[in-house]
Amino acid sequence: MNLVQEILITLLIAVGSFFLVVGTVGLIRLPDVYNRMHATSKATTLGSASLLLAGFVYYGPEGAGLTSLVGIIFLFLTAPTGAHMISRSAQKMGIEFFGDAEWPGDE
């Protein structure tokens, strides 16, 4: 492994860890389910994808590296769908927004 590869892996792990921490803090600190869902779905998706990309750079395009790429694709397909389902379920359960925000079209 050369120096550029090691630096790239280190940067990807640092970026991924940062976004995972931001998502975790958002999950703990934000006031309602909609804000928490947004923090976890966006930040943790980027963090997890960055860590999986570091795995791809480390292992290369075969074996575990290919598994990392498939993981990234799976993550980008399922995370928005899951976030949408959580939001839709919360709306159907009648959970209100924090503050004075309203659903678009509700007048």
PDB file of N, CA and C in Angstrom:
ATOM      1  N   MET A   1       0.854  -1.172   0.000  1.00  0.00           N
ATOM      2  CA  MET A   1       0.000   0.000   0.000  1.00  0.00           C
ATOM      3  C   MET A   1       0.902   1.237   0.000  1.00  0.00           C
ATOM      4  N   ASN A   2       0.590   2.156  -0.888  1.00  0.00           N
ATOM      5  CA  ASN A   2       1.429   3.346  -0.981  1.00  0.00           C
ATOM      6  C   ASN A   2       0.903   4.462  -0.068  1.00  0.00           C
ATOM      7  N   LEU A   3       1.657   5.545  -0.020  1.00  0.00           N
ATOM      8  CA  LEU A   3       1.338   6.640   0.905  1.00  0.00           C
ATOM      9  C   LEU A   3       0.038   7.347   0.536  1.00  0.00           C
ATOM     10  N   VAL A   4      -0.201   7.536  -0.757  1.00  0.00           N
ATOM     11  CA  VAL A   4      -1.431   8.203  -1.197  1.00  0.00           C
ATOM     12  C   VAL A   4      -2.657   7.383  -0.802  1.00  0.00           C
ATOM     13  N   GLN A   5      -2.564   6.091  -0.966  1.00  0.00           N
ATOM     14  CA  GLN A   5      -3.668   5.204  -0.591  1.00  0.00           C
ATOM     15  C   GLN A   5      -3.917   5.262   0.922  1.00  0.00           C
ATOM     16  N   GLU A   6      -2.864   5.272   1.695  1.00  0.00           N
ATOM     17  CA  GLU A   6      -3.017   5.354   3.152  1.00  0.00           C
ATOM     18  C   GLU A   6      -3.647   6.678   3.574  1.00  0.00           C
ATOM     19  N   ILE A   7      -3.232   7.769   2.946  1.00  0.00           N
ATOM     20  CA  ILE A   7      -3.804   9.090   3.270  1.00  0.00           C
ATOM     21  C   ILE A   7      -5.281   9.140   2.884  1.00  0.00           C
ATOM     22  N   LEU A   8      -5.616   8.593   1.719  1.00  0.00           N
ATOM     23  CA  LEU A   8      -7.013   8.581   1.277  1.00  0.00           C
ATOM     24  C   LEU A   8      -7.894   7.764   2.223  1.00  0.00           C
ATOM     25  N   ILE A   9      -7.394   6.619   2.635  1.00  0.00           N
ATOM     26  CA  ILE A   9      -8.157   5.786   3.579  1.00  0.00           C
ATOM     27  C   ILE A   9      -8.353   6.518   4.906  1.00  0.00           C
ATOM     28  N   THR A  10      -7.301   7.163   5.371  1.00  0.00           N
ATOM     29  CA  THR A  10      -7.400   7.910   6.631  1.00  0.00           C
ATOM     30  C   THR A  10      -8.422   9.042   6.524  1.00  0.00           C
ATOM     31  N   LEU A  11      -8.397   9.772   5.410  1.00  0.00           N
ATOM     32  CA  LEU A  11      -9.361  10.857   5.222  1.00  0.00           C
ATOM     33  C   LEU A  11     -10.793  10.334   5.147  1.00  0.00           C
ATOM     34  N   LEU A  12     -10.998   9.240   4.433  1.00  0.00           N
ATOM     35  CA  LEU A  12     -12.349   8.681   4.322  1.00  0.00           C
ATOM     36  C   LEU A  12     -12.865   8.194   5.674  1.00  0.00           C
ATOM     37  N   ILE A  13     -11.998   7.599   6.460  1.00  0.00           N
ATOM     38  CA  ILE A  13     -12.413   7.143   7.791  1.00  0.00           C
ATOM     39  C   ILE A  13     -12.712   8.346   8.692  1.00  0.00           C
ATOM     40  N   ALA A  14     -11.901   9.397   8.601  1.00  0.00           N
ATOM     41  CA  ALA A  14     -12.152  10.589   9.414  1.00  0.00           C
ATOM     42  C   ALA A  14     -13.468  11.259   9.013  1.00  0.00           C
ATOM     43  N   VAL A  15     -13.708  11.382   7.715  1.00  0.00           N
ATOM     44  CA  VAL A  15     -14.965  11.996   7.241  1.00  0.00           C
ATOM     45  C   VAL A  15     -16.161  11.132   7.642  1.00  0.00           C
ATOM     46  N   GLY A  16     -16.028   9.834   7.471  1.00  0.00           N
ATOM     47  CA  GLY A  16     -17.125   8.934   7.851  1.00  0.00           C
ATOM     48  C   GLY A  16     -17.418   8.986   9.336  1.00  0.00           C
ATOM     49  N   SER A  17     -16.385   9.010  10.146  1.00  0.00           N
ATOM     50  CA  SER A  17     -16.585   9.083  11.597  1.00  0.00           C
ATOM     51  C   SER A  17     -17.237  10.401  11.990  1.00  0.00           C
ATOM     52  N   PHE A  18     -16.816  11.486  11.344  1.00  0.00           N
ATOM     53  CA  PHE A  18     -17.411  12.793  11.641  1.00  0.00           C
ATOM     54  C   PHE A  18     -18.910  12.784  11.352  1.00  0.00           C
ATOM     55  N   PHE A  19     -19.288  12.301  10.180  1.00  0.00           N
ATOM     56  CA  PHE A  19     -20.710  12.308   9.836  1.00  0.00           C
ATOM     57  C   PHE A  19     -21.517  11.363  10.722  1.00  0.00           C
ATOM     58  N   LEU A  20     -20.927  10.248  11.133  1.00  0.00           N
ATOM     59  CA  LEU A  20     -21.644   9.351  12.044  1.00  0.00           C
ATOM     60  C   LEU A  20     -21.850   9.998  13.410  1.00  0.00           C
ATOM     61  N   VAL A  21     -20.859  10.745  13.872  1.00  0.00           N
ATOM     62  CA  VAL A  21     -21.020  11.455  15.147  1.00  0.00           C
ATOM     63  C   VAL A  21     -22.084  12.541  15.019  1.00  0.00           C
ATOM     64  N   VAL A  22     -22.072  13.283  13.901  1.00  0.00           N
ATOM     65  CA  VAL A  22     -23.082  14.324  13.682  1.00  0.00           C
ATOM     66  C   VAL A  22     -24.487  13.705  13.649  1.00  0.00           C
ATOM     67  N   GLY A  23     -24.635  12.594  12.979  1.00  0.00           N
ATOM     68  CA  GLY A  23     -25.943  11.922  12.935  1.00  0.00           C
ATOM     69  C   GLY A  23     -26.383  11.432  14.301  1.00  0.00           C
ATOM     70  N   THR A  24     -25.446  10.939  15.074  1.00  0.00           N
ATOM     71  CA  THR A  24     -25.783  10.450  16.414  1.00  0.00           C
ATOM     72  C   THR A  24     -26.185  11.605  17.330  1.00  0.00           C
ATOM     73  N   VAL A  25     -25.448  12.699  17.263  1.00  0.00           N
ATOM     74  CA  VAL A  25     -25.801  13.868  18.076  1.00  0.00           C
ATOM     75  C   VAL A  25     -27.171  14.402  17.656  1.00  0.00           C
ATOM     76  N   GLY A  26     -27.433  14.426  16.349  1.00  0.00           N
ATOM     77  CA  GLY A  26     -28.741  14.864  15.872  1.00  0.00           C
ATOM     78  C   GLY A  26     -29.862  13.965  16.362  1.00  0.00           C
ATOM     79  N   LEU A  27     -29.615  12.682  16.386  1.00  0.00           N
ATOM     80  CA  LEU A  27     -30.623  11.743  16.884  1.00  0.00           C
ATOM     81  C   LEU A  27     -30.922  11.981  18.354  1.00  0.00           C
ATOM     82  N   ILE A  28     -29.914  12.319  19.110  1.00  0.00           N
ATOM     83  CA  ILE A  28     -30.096  12.519  20.547  1.00  0.00           C
ATOM     84  C   ILE A  28     -30.677  13.898  20.855  1.00  0.00           C
ATOM     85  N   ARG A  29     -30.233  14.934  20.141  1.00  0.00           N
ATOM     86  CA  ARG A  29     -30.539  16.303  20.534  1.00  0.00           C
ATOM     87  C   ARG A  29     -31.740  16.948  19.844  1.00  0.00           C
ATOM     88  N   LEU A  30     -32.116  16.498  18.651  1.00  0.00           N
ATOM     89  CA  LEU A  30     -33.170  17.195  17.921  1.00  0.00           C
ATOM     90  C   LEU A  30     -34.541  16.910  18.523  1.00  0.00           C
ATOM     91  N   PRO A  31     -35.513  17.846  18.349  1.00  0.00           N
ATOM     92  CA  PRO A  31     -36.731  17.801  19.160  1.00  0.00           C
ATOM     93  C   PRO A  31     -37.826  16.836  18.704  1.00  0.00           C
ATOM     94  N   ASP A  32     -37.963  16.542  17.421  1.00  0.00           N
ATOM     95  CA  ASP A  32     -39.078  15.677  17.020  1.00  0.00           C
ATOM     96  C   ASP A  32     -38.614  14.612  16.026  1.00  0.00           C
ATOM     97  N   VAL A  33     -39.536  13.732  15.684  1.00  0.00           N
ATOM     98  CA  VAL A  33     -39.188  12.584  14.847  1.00  0.00           C
ATOM     99  C   VAL A  33     -38.757  13.006  13.451  1.00  0.00           C
ATOM    100  N   TYR A  34     -39.305  14.072  12.933  1.00  0.00           N
ATOM    101  CA  TYR A  34     -38.950  14.515  11.582  1.00  0.00           C
ATOM    102  C   TYR A  34     -37.513  15.035  11.529  1.00  0.00           C
ATOM    103  N   ASN A  35     -37.138  15.831  12.497  1.00  0.00           N
ATOM    104  CA  ASN A  35     -35.771  16.338  12.551  1.00  0.00           C
ATOM    105  C   ASN A  35     -34.777  15.219  12.822  1.00  0.00           C
ATOM    106  N   ARG A  36     -35.130  14.316  13.709  1.00  0.00           N
ATOM    107  CA  ARG A  36     -34.239  13.188  14.005  1.00  0.00           C
ATOM    108  C   ARG A  36     -34.057  12.303  12.795  1.00  0.00           C
ATOM    109  N   MET A  37     -35.154  12.064  12.064  1.00  0.00           N
ATOM    110  CA  MET A  37     -35.078  11.239  10.866  1.00  0.00           C
ATOM    111  C   MET A  37     -34.165  11.876   9.841  1.00  0.00           C
ATOM    112  N   HIS A  38     -34.265  13.173   9.682  1.00  0.00           N
ATOM    113  CA  HIS A  38     -33.421  13.870   8.722  1.00  0.00           C
ATOM    114  C   HIS A  38     -31.949  13.767   9.104  1.00  0.00           C
ATOM    115  N   ALA A  39     -31.661  13.988  10.378  1.00  0.00           N
ATOM    116  CA  ALA A  39     -30.262  13.934  10.828  1.00  0.00           C
ATOM    117  C   ALA A  39     -29.680  12.542  10.637  1.00  0.00           C
ATOM    118  N   THR A  40     -30.437  11.545  10.989  1.00  0.00           N
ATOM    119  CA  THR A  40     -29.887  10.196  10.892  1.00  0.00           C
ATOM    120  C   THR A  40     -29.808   9.711   9.451  1.00  0.00           C
ATOM    121  N   SER A  41     -30.788  10.031   8.640  1.00  0.00           N
ATOM    122  CA  SER A  41     -30.765   9.493   7.282  1.00  0.00           C
ATOM    123  C   SER A  41     -29.694  10.164   6.426  1.00  0.00           C
ATOM    124  N   LYS A  42     -29.523  11.438   6.541  1.00  0.00           N
ATOM    125  CA  LYS A  42     -28.536  12.133   5.703  1.00  0.00           C
ATOM    126  C   LYS A  42     -27.114  11.933   6.215  1.00  0.00           C
ATOM    127  N   ALA A  43     -26.889  12.282   7.457  1.00  0.00           N
ATOM    128  CA  ALA A  43     -25.523  12.260   7.974  1.00  0.00           C
ATOM    129  C   ALA A  43     -24.972  10.842   8.086  1.00  0.00           C
ATOM    130  N   THR A  44     -25.768   9.930   8.581  1.00  0.00           N
ATOM    131  CA  THR A  44     -25.238   8.580   8.738  1.00  0.00           C
ATOM    132  C   THR A  44     -25.091   7.863   7.405  1.00  0.00           C
ATOM    133  N   THR A  45     -25.889   8.224   6.415  1.00  0.00           N
ATOM    134  CA  THR A  45     -25.695   7.647   5.089  1.00  0.00           C
ATOM    135  C   THR A  45     -24.354   8.087   4.512  1.00  0.00           C
ATOM    136  N   LEU A  46     -24.061   9.373   4.620  1.00  0.00           N
ATOM    137  CA  LEU A  46     -22.766   9.852   4.137  1.00  0.00           C
ATOM    138  C   LEU A  46     -21.614   9.243   4.938  1.00  0.00           C
ATOM    139  N   GLY A  47     -21.776   9.152   6.240  1.00  0.00           N
ATOM    140  CA  GLY A  47     -20.723   8.563   7.076  1.00  0.00           C
ATOM    141  C   GLY A  47     -20.480   7.107   6.768  1.00  0.00           C
ATOM    142  N   SER A  48     -21.550   6.349   6.633  1.00  0.00           N
ATOM    143  CA  SER A  48     -21.405   4.928   6.337  1.00  0.00           C
ATOM    144  C   SER A  48     -20.835   4.715   4.942  1.00  0.00           C
ATOM    145  N   ALA A  49     -21.282   5.515   3.989  1.00  0.00           N
ATOM    146  CA  ALA A  49     -20.758   5.391   2.629  1.00  0.00           C
ATOM    147  C   ALA A  49     -19.270   5.721   2.587  1.00  0.00           C
ATOM    148  N   SER A  50     -18.863   6.703   3.364  1.00  0.00           N
ATOM    149  CA  SER A  50     -17.446   7.051   3.402  1.00  0.00           C
ATOM    150  C   SER A  50     -16.612   5.910   3.992  1.00  0.00           C
ATOM    151  N   LEU A  51     -17.121   5.281   5.041  1.00  0.00           N
ATOM    152  CA  LEU A  51     -16.394   4.152   5.625  1.00  0.00           C
ATOM    153  C   LEU A  51     -16.343   2.970   4.658  1.00  0.00           C
ATOM    154  N   LEU A  52     -17.444   2.733   3.959  1.00  0.00           N
ATOM    155  CA  LEU A  52     -17.436   1.642   2.976  1.00  0.00           C
ATOM    156  C   LEU A  52     -16.502   1.954   1.811  1.00  0.00           C
ATOM    157  N   LEU A  53     -16.434   3.216   1.425  1.00  0.00           N
ATOM    158  CA  LEU A  53     -15.507   3.611   0.364  1.00  0.00           C
ATOM    159  C   LEU A  53     -14.061   3.430   0.814  1.00  0.00           C
ATOM    160  N   ALA A  54     -13.782   3.690   2.084  1.00  0.00           N
ATOM    161  CA  ALA A  54     -12.442   3.421   2.617  1.00  0.00           C
ATOM    162  C   ALA A  54     -12.126   1.934   2.527  1.00  0.00           C
ATOM    163  N   GLY A  55     -13.122   1.095   2.772  1.00  0.00           N
ATOM    164  CA  GLY A  55     -12.934  -0.349   2.612  1.00  0.00           C
ATOM    165  C   GLY A  55     -12.644  -0.724   1.179  1.00  0.00           C
ATOM    166  N   PHE A  56     -13.317  -0.060   0.243  1.00  0.00           N
ATOM    167  CA  PHE A  56     -13.064  -0.326  -1.173  1.00  0.00           C
ATOM    168  C   PHE A  56     -11.638   0.074  -1.546  1.00  0.00           C
ATOM    169  N   VAL A  57     -11.189   1.218  -1.069  1.00  0.00           N
ATOM    170  CA  VAL A  57      -9.822   1.670  -1.374  1.00  0.00           C
ATOM    171  C   VAL A  57      -8.806   0.725  -0.752  1.00  0.00           C
ATOM    172  N   TYR A  58      -9.088   0.232   0.430  1.00  0.00           N
ATOM    173  CA  TYR A  58      -8.144  -0.662   1.113  1.00  0.00           C
ATOM    174  C   TYR A  58      -8.071  -2.030   0.439  1.00  0.00           C
ATOM    175  N   TYR A  59      -9.227  -2.628   0.138  1.00  0.00           N
ATOM    176  CA  TYR A  59      -9.244  -3.997  -0.382  1.00  0.00           C
ATOM    177  C   TYR A  59      -9.140  -4.085  -1.901  1.00  0.00           C
ATOM    178  N   GLY A  60      -9.430  -3.000  -2.605  1.00  0.00           N
ATOM    179  CA  GLY A  60      -9.363  -3.050  -4.060  1.00  0.00           C
ATOM    180  C   GLY A  60     -10.678  -3.491  -4.675  1.00  0.00           C
ATOM    181  N   PRO A  61     -10.700  -3.615  -6.003  1.00  0.00           N
ATOM    182  CA  PRO A  61     -11.973  -3.859  -6.688  1.00  0.00           C
ATOM    183  C   PRO A  61     -12.495  -5.301  -6.617  1.00  0.00           C
ATOM    184  N   GLU A  62     -11.799  -6.193  -5.960  1.00  0.00           N
ATOM    185  CA  GLU A  62     -12.249  -7.588  -5.885  1.00  0.00           C
ATOM    186  C   GLU A  62     -12.520  -7.980  -4.438  1.00  0.00           C
ATOM    187  N   GLY A  63     -13.295  -9.000  -4.230  1.00  0.00           N
ATOM    188  CA  GLY A  63     -13.540  -9.540  -2.896  1.00  0.00           C
ATOM    189  C   GLY A  63     -14.265  -8.577  -1.987  1.00  0.00           C
ATOM    190  N   ALA A  64     -13.631  -8.241  -0.868  1.00  0.00           N
ATOM    191  CA  ALA A  64     -14.252  -7.356   0.127  1.00  0.00           C
ATOM    192  C   ALA A  64     -14.465  -5.950  -0.415  1.00  0.00           C
ATOM    193  N   GLY A  65     -13.623  -5.511  -1.336  1.00  0.00           N
ATOM    194  CA  GLY A  65     -13.807  -4.189  -1.943  1.00  0.00           C
ATOM    195  C   GLY A  65     -15.084  -4.127  -2.754  1.00  0.00           C
ATOM    196  N   LEU A  66     -15.359  -5.191  -3.491  1.00  0.00           N
ATOM    197  CA  LEU A  66     -16.610  -5.259  -4.256  1.00  0.00           C
ATOM    198  C   LEU A  66     -17.815  -5.280  -3.322  1.00  0.00           C
ATOM    199  N   THR A  67     -17.681  -5.982  -2.225  1.00  0.00           N
ATOM    200  CA  THR A  67     -18.747  -6.001  -1.222  1.00  0.00           C
ATOM    201  C   THR A  67     -18.993  -4.603  -0.668  1.00  0.00           C
ATOM    202  N   SER A  68     -17.932  -3.829  -0.492  1.00  0.00           N
ATOM    203  CA  SER A  68     -18.085  -2.457  -0.018  1.00  0.00           C
ATOM    204  C   SER A  68     -18.853  -1.602  -1.022  1.00  0.00           C
ATOM    205  N   LEU A  69     -18.558  -1.787  -2.309  1.00  0.00           N
ATOM    206  CA  LEU A  69     -19.296  -1.031  -3.320  1.00  0.00           C
ATOM    207  C   LEU A  69     -20.774  -1.416  -3.351  1.00  0.00           C
ATOM    208  N   VAL A  70     -21.047  -2.696  -3.233  1.00  0.00           N
ATOM    209  CA  VAL A  70     -22.441  -3.144  -3.191  1.00  0.00           C
ATOM    210  C   VAL A  70     -23.133  -2.582  -1.957  1.00  0.00           C
ATOM    211  N   GLY A  71     -22.403  -2.500  -0.844  1.00  0.00           N
ATOM    212  CA  GLY A  71     -22.958  -1.909   0.374  1.00  0.00           C
ATOM    213  C   GLY A  71     -23.323  -0.447   0.189  1.00  0.00           C
ATOM    214  N   ILE A  72     -22.476   0.289  -0.545  1.00  0.00           N
ATOM    215  CA  ILE A  72     -22.768   1.704  -0.812  1.00  0.00           C
ATOM    216  C   ILE A  72     -24.034   1.833  -1.653  1.00  0.00           C
ATOM    217  N   ILE A  73     -24.145   1.020  -2.678  1.00  0.00           N
ATOM    218  CA  ILE A  73     -25.343   1.067  -3.536  1.00  0.00           C
ATOM    219  C   ILE A  73     -26.592   0.713  -2.729  1.00  0.00           C
ATOM    220  N   PHE A  74     -26.497  -0.345  -1.932  1.00  0.00           N
ATOM    221  CA  PHE A  74     -27.629  -0.752  -1.101  1.00  0.00           C
ATOM    222  C   PHE A  74     -28.013   0.354  -0.123  1.00  0.00           C
ATOM    223  N   LEU A  75     -27.010   0.993   0.458  1.00  0.00           N
ATOM    224  CA  LEU A  75     -27.263   2.066   1.427  1.00  0.00           C
ATOM    225  C   LEU A  75     -27.973   3.245   0.777  1.00  0.00           C
ATOM    226  N   PHE A  76     -27.532   3.643  -0.415  1.00  0.00           N
ATOM    227  CA  PHE A  76     -28.144   4.787  -1.086  1.00  0.00           C
ATOM    228  C   PHE A  76     -29.543   4.458  -1.624  1.00  0.00           C
ATOM    229  N   LEU A  77     -29.847   3.181  -1.793  1.00  0.00           N
ATOM    230  CA  LEU A  77     -31.199   2.809  -2.214  1.00  0.00           C
ATOM    231  C   LEU A  77     -32.156   2.695  -1.026  1.00  0.00           C
ATOM    232  N   THR A  78     -31.672   2.204   0.096  1.00  0.00           N
ATOM    233  CA  THR A  78     -32.576   1.914   1.214  1.00  0.00           C
ATOM    234  C   THR A  78     -32.729   3.051   2.222  1.00  0.00           C
ATOM    235  N   ALA A  79     -31.708   3.859   2.423  1.00  0.00           N
ATOM    236  CA  ALA A  79     -31.796   4.919   3.448  1.00  0.00           C
ATOM    237  C   ALA A  79     -32.873   5.953   3.125  1.00  0.00           C
ATOM    238  N   PRO A  80     -32.965   6.479   1.895  1.00  0.00           N
ATOM    239  CA  PRO A  80     -34.052   7.430   1.621  1.00  0.00           C
ATOM    240  C   PRO A  80     -35.435   6.786   1.702  1.00  0.00           C
ATOM    241  N   THR A  81     -35.524   5.537   1.296  1.00  0.00           N
ATOM    242  CA  THR A  81     -36.805   4.844   1.379  1.00  0.00           C
ATOM    243  C   THR A  81     -37.232   4.663   2.837  1.00  0.00           C
ATOM    244  N   GLY A  82     -36.301   4.281   3.681  1.00  0.00           N
ATOM    245  CA  GLY A  82     -36.607   4.124   5.096  1.00  0.00           C
ATOM    246  C   GLY A  82     -36.991   5.438   5.751  1.00  0.00           C
ATOM    247  N   ALA A  83     -36.265   6.499   5.399  1.00  0.00           N
ATOM    248  CA  ALA A  83     -36.591   7.813   5.962  1.00  0.00           C
ATOM    249  C   ALA A  83     -37.966   8.274   5.514  1.00  0.00           C
ATOM    250  N   HIS A  84     -38.282   8.020   4.262  1.00  0.00           N
ATOM    251  CA  HIS A  84     -39.616   8.393   3.776  1.00  0.00           C
ATOM    252  C   HIS A  84     -40.706   7.610   4.503  1.00  0.00           C
ATOM    253  N   MET A  85     -40.485   6.343   4.726  1.00  0.00           N
ATOM    254  CA  MET A  85     -41.488   5.519   5.417  1.00  0.00           C
ATOM    255  C   MET A  85     -41.663   5.971   6.867  1.00  0.00           C
ATOM    256  N   ILE A  86     -40.577   6.338   7.534  1.00  0.00           N
ATOM    257  CA  ILE A  86     -40.682   6.838   8.907  1.00  0.00           C
ATOM    258  C   ILE A  86     -41.476   8.136   8.929  1.00  0.00           C
ATOM    259  N   SER A  87     -41.161   9.040   7.999  1.00  0.00           N
ATOM    260  CA  SER A  87     -41.874  10.320   7.946  1.00  0.00           C
ATOM    261  C   SER A  87     -43.349  10.128   7.641  1.00  0.00           C
ATOM    262  N   ARG A  88     -43.645   9.275   6.695  1.00  0.00           N
ATOM    263  CA  ARG A  88     -45.044   9.028   6.310  1.00  0.00           C
ATOM    264  C   ARG A  88     -45.832   8.374   7.460  1.00  0.00           C
ATOM    265  N   SER A  89     -45.184   7.449   8.142  1.00  0.00           N
ATOM    266  CA  SER A  89     -45.840   6.803   9.284  1.00  0.00           C
ATOM    267  C   SER A  89     -46.106   7.796  10.400  1.00  0.00           C
ATOM    268  N   ALA A  90     -45.146   8.679  10.654  1.00  0.00           N
ATOM    269  CA  ALA A  90     -45.347   9.694  11.696  1.00  0.00           C
ATOM    270  C   ALA A  90     -46.483  10.627  11.326  1.00  0.00           C
ATOM    271  N   GLN A  91     -46.562  10.984  10.043  1.00  0.00           N
ATOM    272  CA  GLN A  91     -47.668  11.851   9.612  1.00  0.00           C
ATOM    273  C   GLN A  91     -49.007  11.152   9.797  1.00  0.00           C
ATOM    274  N   LYS A  92     -49.092   9.883   9.408  1.00  0.00           N
ATOM    275  CA  LYS A  92     -50.351   9.144   9.543  1.00  0.00           C
ATOM    276  C   LYS A  92     -50.738   8.926  11.001  1.00  0.00           C
ATOM    277  N   MET A  93     -49.747   8.886  11.896  1.00  0.00           N
ATOM    278  CA  MET A  93     -50.036   8.742  13.314  1.00  0.00           C
ATOM    279  C   MET A  93     -50.419  10.066  13.945  1.00  0.00           C
ATOM    280  N   GLY A  94     -50.319  11.154  13.194  1.00  0.00           N
ATOM    281  CA  GLY A  94     -50.718  12.456  13.709  1.00  0.00           C
ATOM    282  C   GLY A  94     -49.667  13.170  14.529  1.00  0.00           C
ATOM    283  N   ILE A  95     -48.428  12.803  14.367  1.00  0.00           N
ATOM    284  CA  ILE A  95     -47.355  13.455  15.118  1.00  0.00           C
ATOM    285  C   ILE A  95     -47.105  14.828  14.501  1.00  0.00           C
ATOM    286  N   GLU A  96     -47.182  15.848  15.333  1.00  0.00           N
ATOM    287  CA  GLU A  96     -47.029  17.232  14.877  1.00  0.00           C
ATOM    288  C   GLU A  96     -45.564  17.601  14.755  1.00  0.00           C
ATOM    289  N   PHE A  97     -45.312  18.630  13.947  1.00  0.00           N
ATOM    290  CA  PHE A  97     -43.970  19.181  13.847  1.00  0.00           C
ATOM    291  C   PHE A  97     -43.634  19.945  15.116  1.00  0.00           C
ATOM    292  N   PHE A  98     -42.350  20.030  15.401  1.00  0.00           N
ATOM    293  CA  PHE A  98     -41.887  20.888  16.479  1.00  0.00           C
ATOM    294  C   PHE A  98     -41.995  22.334  16.000  1.00  0.00           C
ATOM    295  N   GLY A  99     -42.507  23.222  16.813  1.00  0.00           N
ATOM    296  CA  GLY A  99     -42.638  24.623  16.434  1.00  0.00           C
ATOM    297  C   GLY A  99     -43.907  24.864  15.641  1.00  0.00           C
ATOM    298  N   ASP A 100     -43.864  25.838  14.745  1.00  0.00           N
ATOM    299  CA  ASP A 100     -45.068  26.201  14.004  1.00  0.00           C
ATOM    300  C   ASP A 100     -45.021  25.768  12.537  1.00  0.00           C
ATOM    301  N   ALA A 101     -44.211  24.808  12.185  1.00  0.00           N
ATOM    302  CA  ALA A 101     -44.147  24.317  10.813  1.00  0.00           C
ATOM    303  C   ALA A 101     -45.386  23.482  10.498  1.00  0.00           C
ATOM    304  N   GLU A 102     -45.769  23.467   9.222  1.00  0.00           N
ATOM    305  CA  GLU A 102     -46.931  22.692   8.784  1.00  0.00           C
ATOM    306  C   GLU A 102     -46.587  21.908   7.529  1.00  0.00           C
ATOM    307  N   TRP A 103     -47.382  20.905   7.229  1.00  0.00           N
ATOM    308  CA  TRP A 103     -47.215  20.152   5.995  1.00  0.00           C
ATOM    309  C   TRP A 103     -47.584  21.047   4.822  1.00  0.00           C
ATOM    310  N   PRO A 104     -46.907  20.926   3.727  1.00  0.00           N
ATOM    311  CA  PRO A 104     -47.277  21.730   2.552  1.00  0.00           C
ATOM    312  C   PRO A 104     -48.690  21.375   2.090  1.00  0.00           C
ATOM    313  N   GLY A 105     -49.479  22.385   1.820  1.00  0.00           N
ATOM    314  CA  GLY A 105     -50.848  22.154   1.352  1.00  0.00           C
ATOM    315  C   GLY A 105     -51.873  22.053   2.460  1.00  0.00           C
ATOM    316  N   ASP A 106     -51.456  22.041   3.738  1.00  0.00           N
ATOM    317  CA  ASP A 106     -52.398  21.998   4.858  1.00  0.00           C
ATOM    318  C   ASP A 106     -52.762  23.427   5.233  1.00  0.00           C
ATOM    319  N   GLU A 107     -53.912  23.888   4.812  1.00  0.00           N
ATOM    320  CA  GLU A 107     -54.346  25.246   5.175  1.00  0.00           C
ATOM    321  C   GLU A 107     -55.771  25.185   5.636  1.00  0.00           C
TER     322      GLU A 107
END
